[in-house]
Amino acid sequence: MYERPLAYVCSPLKGEIEANLSKAKQYARRVFEAGYEPFVPHLYYTGFLNDRKAEERQAGIAMGLNHLKKCRILVVCTDKISDGMLTEINEAYRLSIPIVNLSGLQLYASIMTQTKKK
């Protein structure tokens, strides 16, 4: 059975959408390499929602937050925090889901692995 803890990948979408989607794929790869199953809401939801339409953007954010509840960790991938990212970070905090950045992800994974061995 394939098991990896689910990690919510938090990165911007609005603005330079194509460039941000490309970066999100790179972030997902790094999260995967750290031992997690990356969940990147805007890589999935942009397949059928239009982020430029406010109602569809809000629907995508709401659906992403619904999946956040299932995640073991939230990974913030950029220094600049967009409004959408802030919503995700605040919800993770409210749910007591650990929040790390990309550079802290490997350290967090290592600590969690060693903690499980004890």
C-alpha atoms as a PDB file:
ATOM      1  CA  MET A   1       0.000   0.000   0.000  1.00  0.00           C
ATOM      2  CA  TYR A   2       1.305   3.430  -0.957  1.00  0.00           C
ATOM      3  CA  GLU A   3       1.294   5.829   1.946  1.00  0.00           C
ATOM      4  CA  ARG A   4       2.746   9.284   2.283  1.00  0.00           C
ATOM      5  CA  PRO A   5       1.457  12.031   4.530  1.00  0.00           C
ATOM      6  CA  LEU A   6      -0.593  14.573   2.604  1.00  0.00           C
ATOM      7  CA  ALA A   7       0.961  18.049   2.334  1.00  0.00           C
ATOM      8  CA  TYR A   8      -0.977  21.129   1.231  1.00  0.00           C
ATOM      9  CA  VAL A   9       1.154  23.202  -1.145  1.00  0.00           C
ATOM     10  CA  CYS A  10       0.471  26.899  -0.551  1.00  0.00           C
ATOM     11  CA  SER A  11       1.642  29.198  -3.350  1.00  0.00           C
ATOM     12  CA  PRO A  12       0.215  32.109  -5.344  1.00  0.00           C
ATOM     13  CA  LEU A  13      -1.938  31.711  -8.435  1.00  0.00           C
ATOM     14  CA  LYS A  14      -3.489  35.120  -9.120  1.00  0.00           C
ATOM     15  CA  GLY A  15      -1.572  37.524 -11.357  1.00  0.00           C
ATOM     16  CA  GLU A  16       0.889  35.684 -13.570  1.00  0.00           C
ATOM     17  CA  ILE A  17      -1.242  32.546 -13.701  1.00  0.00           C
ATOM     18  CA  GLU A  18       0.794  30.512 -16.215  1.00  0.00           C
ATOM     19  CA  ALA A  19       4.112  31.274 -14.501  1.00  0.00           C
ATOM     20  CA  ASN A  20       2.616  30.554 -11.082  1.00  0.00           C
ATOM     21  CA  LEU A  21       1.213  27.213 -12.273  1.00  0.00           C
ATOM     22  CA  SER A  22       4.649  26.268 -13.602  1.00  0.00           C
ATOM     23  CA  LYS A  23       6.260  27.158 -10.262  1.00  0.00           C
ATOM     24  CA  ALA A  24       3.562  25.200  -8.396  1.00  0.00           C
ATOM     25  CA  LYS A  25       4.618  22.062 -10.278  1.00  0.00           C
ATOM     26  CA  GLN A  26       8.203  22.622  -9.130  1.00  0.00           C
ATOM     27  CA  TYR A  27       7.051  23.122  -5.536  1.00  0.00           C
ATOM     28  CA  ALA A  28       4.996  19.927  -5.726  1.00  0.00           C
ATOM     29  CA  ARG A  29       8.074  18.038  -6.866  1.00  0.00           C
ATOM     30  CA  ARG A  30      10.109  19.319  -3.915  1.00  0.00           C
ATOM     31  CA  VAL A  31       7.337  18.350  -1.495  1.00  0.00           C
ATOM     32  CA  PHE A  32       7.194  14.892  -3.073  1.00  0.00           C
ATOM     33  CA  GLU A  33      10.980  14.515  -2.786  1.00  0.00           C
ATOM     34  CA  ALA A  34      10.700  15.369   0.918  1.00  0.00           C
ATOM     35  CA  GLY A  35       8.478  12.303   1.383  1.00  0.00           C
ATOM     36  CA  TYR A  36       5.013  13.814   1.169  1.00  0.00           C
ATOM     37  CA  GLU A  37       2.082  13.489  -1.190  1.00  0.00           C
ATOM     38  CA  PRO A  38       1.610  17.044  -2.452  1.00  0.00           C
ATOM     39  CA  PHE A  39      -1.878  18.475  -2.772  1.00  0.00           C
ATOM     40  CA  VAL A  40      -1.757  21.579  -4.979  1.00  0.00           C
ATOM     41  CA  PRO A  41      -5.310  22.913  -5.279  1.00  0.00           C
ATOM     42  CA  HIS A  42      -4.686  25.346  -8.093  1.00  0.00           C
ATOM     43  CA  LEU A  43      -3.029  22.706 -10.271  1.00  0.00           C
ATOM     44  CA  TYR A  44      -6.206  20.675 -10.056  1.00  0.00           C
ATOM     45  CA  TYR A  45      -8.992  23.261  -9.915  1.00  0.00           C
ATOM     46  CA  THR A  46      -7.698  25.388 -12.788  1.00  0.00           C
ATOM     47  CA  GLY A  47      -8.480  22.413 -15.010  1.00  0.00           C
ATOM     48  CA  PHE A  48     -12.170  23.267 -14.790  1.00  0.00           C
ATOM     49  CA  LEU A  49     -12.464  26.617 -13.000  1.00  0.00           C
ATOM     50  CA  ASN A  50     -11.565  30.082 -14.291  1.00  0.00           C
ATOM     51  CA  ASP A  51      -9.524  31.922 -11.650  1.00  0.00           C
ATOM     52  CA  ARG A  52     -10.302  35.232 -13.345  1.00  0.00           C
ATOM     53  CA  LYS A  53     -14.003  34.852 -12.443  1.00  0.00           C
ATOM     54  CA  ALA A  54     -14.488  35.865  -8.805  1.00  0.00           C
ATOM     55  CA  GLU A  55     -17.206  33.296  -8.097  1.00  0.00           C
ATOM     56  CA  GLU A  56     -15.126  30.438  -9.516  1.00  0.00           C
ATOM     57  CA  ARG A  57     -12.001  31.649  -7.707  1.00  0.00           C
ATOM     58  CA  GLN A  58     -13.890  31.602  -4.401  1.00  0.00           C
ATOM     59  CA  ALA A  59     -15.239  28.117  -5.174  1.00  0.00           C
ATOM     60  CA  GLY A  60     -11.692  26.882  -5.815  1.00  0.00           C
ATOM     61  CA  ILE A  61     -10.429  28.374  -2.554  1.00  0.00           C
ATOM     62  CA  ALA A  62     -13.343  26.849  -0.617  1.00  0.00           C
ATOM     63  CA  MET A  63     -12.777  23.399  -2.141  1.00  0.00           C
ATOM     64  CA  GLY A  64      -9.061  23.637  -1.404  1.00  0.00           C
ATOM     65  CA  LEU A  65      -9.777  24.507   2.226  1.00  0.00           C
ATOM     66  CA  ASN A  66     -12.040  21.471   2.437  1.00  0.00           C
ATOM     67  CA  HIS A  67      -9.076  19.284   1.444  1.00  0.00           C
ATOM     68  CA  LEU A  68      -6.734  21.136   3.805  1.00  0.00           C
ATOM     69  CA  LYS A  69      -8.515  19.399   6.698  1.00  0.00           C
ATOM     70  CA  LYS A  70      -7.096  16.095   5.433  1.00  0.00           C
ATOM     71  CA  CYS A  71      -3.504  17.322   5.231  1.00  0.00           C
ATOM     72  CA  ARG A  72      -0.787  16.631   7.776  1.00  0.00           C
ATOM     73  CA  ILE A  73       1.144  19.826   6.973  1.00  0.00           C
ATOM     74  CA  LEU A  74       0.869  23.087   5.021  1.00  0.00           C
ATOM     75  CA  VAL A  75       3.948  24.131   3.034  1.00  0.00           C
ATOM     76  CA  VAL A  76       4.305  27.844   2.252  1.00  0.00           C
ATOM     77  CA  CYS A  77       6.348  28.047  -0.942  1.00  0.00           C
ATOM     78  CA  THR A  78       7.064  31.768  -1.395  1.00  0.00           C
ATOM     79  CA  ASP A  79       8.125  34.686   0.780  1.00  0.00           C
ATOM     80  CA  LYS A  80       5.408  36.910  -0.660  1.00  0.00           C
ATOM     81  CA  ILE A  81       2.027  35.906   0.792  1.00  0.00           C
ATOM     82  CA  SER A  82      -1.023  36.517  -1.390  1.00  0.00           C
ATOM     83  CA  ASP A  83      -4.531  37.027  -0.010  1.00  0.00           C
ATOM     84  CA  GLY A  84      -5.483  33.476  -1.039  1.00  0.00           C
ATOM     85  CA  MET A  85      -2.404  32.055   0.651  1.00  0.00           C
ATOM     86  CA  LEU A  86      -3.157  34.009   3.817  1.00  0.00           C
ATOM     87  CA  THR A  87      -6.622  32.459   3.896  1.00  0.00           C
ATOM     88  CA  GLU A  88      -5.053  28.990   3.626  1.00  0.00           C
ATOM     89  CA  ILE A  89      -2.427  29.747   6.292  1.00  0.00           C
ATOM     90  CA  ASN A  90      -5.042  31.100   8.701  1.00  0.00           C
ATOM     91  CA  GLU A  91      -7.200  28.009   8.208  1.00  0.00           C
ATOM     92  CA  ALA A  92      -4.241  25.682   8.801  1.00  0.00           C
ATOM     93  CA  TYR A  93      -3.470  27.602  11.986  1.00  0.00           C
ATOM     94  CA  ARG A  94      -7.115  27.336  13.095  1.00  0.00           C
ATOM     95  CA  LEU A  95      -7.016  23.575  12.470  1.00  0.00           C
ATOM     96  CA  SER A  96      -3.652  23.214  14.288  1.00  0.00           C
ATOM     97  CA  ILE A  97      -1.979  21.934  11.126  1.00  0.00           C
ATOM     98  CA  PRO A  98       1.796  22.552  11.183  1.00  0.00           C
ATOM     99  CA  ILE A  99       2.925  25.308   8.822  1.00  0.00           C
ATOM    100  CA  VAL A 100       6.437  25.240   7.326  1.00  0.00           C
ATOM    101  CA  ASN A 101       8.215  26.815   4.391  1.00  0.00           C
ATOM    102  CA  LEU A 102      10.015  24.858   1.679  1.00  0.00           C
ATOM    103  CA  SER A 103      13.417  25.149   3.325  1.00  0.00           C
ATOM    104  CA  GLY A 104      12.024  23.901   6.642  1.00  0.00           C
ATOM    105  CA  LEU A 105      10.129  21.017   5.070  1.00  0.00           C
ATOM    106  CA  GLN A 106      13.063  18.612   4.887  1.00  0.00           C
ATOM    107  CA  LEU A 107      13.988  19.332   8.511  1.00  0.00           C
ATOM    108  CA  TYR A 108      10.377  18.846   9.625  1.00  0.00           C
ATOM    109  CA  ALA A 109      10.159  15.538   7.716  1.00  0.00           C
ATOM    110  CA  SER A 110      13.380  14.348   9.326  1.00  0.00           C
ATOM    111  CA  ILE A 111      12.195  15.260  12.821  1.00  0.00           C
ATOM    112  CA  MET A 112       8.845  13.518  12.286  1.00  0.00           C
ATOM    113  CA  THR A 113      10.550  10.362  10.976  1.00  0.00           C
ATOM    114  CA  GLN A 114      12.882  10.193  13.981  1.00  0.00           C
ATOM    115  CA  THR A 115      10.018  10.865  16.385  1.00  0.00           C
ATOM    116  CA  LYS A 116       8.075   7.887  14.951  1.00  0.00           C
ATOM    117  CA  LYS A 117      11.088   5.583  15.490  1.00  0.00           C
ATOM    118  CA  LYS A 118      11.115   6.227  19.247  1.00  0.00           C
END
